Amino acid sequence: MKRLLLLLTMPFCIPSFAQKWAKNFDFVDQCICGLSLAGKDHRYGYVDNSGKIVIPILYDEGLTFTEGYTAVRKENKWAFFDSTGKQATDFIYGDAQNFHNGLAAVMKDNKYGYIDYTGKPVIDFQFSNARAFGEGYAPVSNAHGVWGFIDNSGQIVIKPEYDFADCFVDGEARVIKGDKVFYIDKFNKILHE
């Protein structure tokens, strides 16, 4: 009986303890890769699960961690940090997205390309817009704003023909053409609307 009573009270004790340090911030996001995005006075950084600040709360914006990395914005430039709090790239990107499949879409000189964890360009800065990789393909748009898909080597695998394209999830991607919204497979065949 005592064990049952102890088990029933434990879930209530743990959150109240976590809330004690969380009150030092305006908000604390969920913990991913051992760190949580935290905000205070319109500035953002990252804390561990004990509330210790690992990445200082001094940035204008921050993304959640994926694949052990996150991006933060200072003024108009983005940089990446790893989950130990070490800065992985300089603040040189006009836009940054999370890592997926080992690559992150970033903007430099008003063009999008993809970098690896060290910040080394893997796919040249050549797209007017880009989104994250999903299942080996990434949606990208050309200079005319028309969307298609590339593979992780940067080769076009679905030619640009859409007004918008989203990432592949469970073998399908949402695309928009004119006033129609539908889903395609990796062979560019329509699956359903």
Foldseek 3Di string as FASTA:
>chain_A
DVVVVVVVCVVVVVVVQQVVLQVVFPGWADADLQWTWTAHPQFIAIAGSNNHGQADRHFNDWDHADPQKIWTHHPQFIFMAGVNSHTQGDRAFRDWDYADPQWIWTHHPQFIFIAGSNRHTQGDRAFNDWDYEDPQKTWTHHPVQFIFIDGSNHHTQGDGDFNDWAYDDPQWIWTHHDPDIFIAGSNRHTDGD
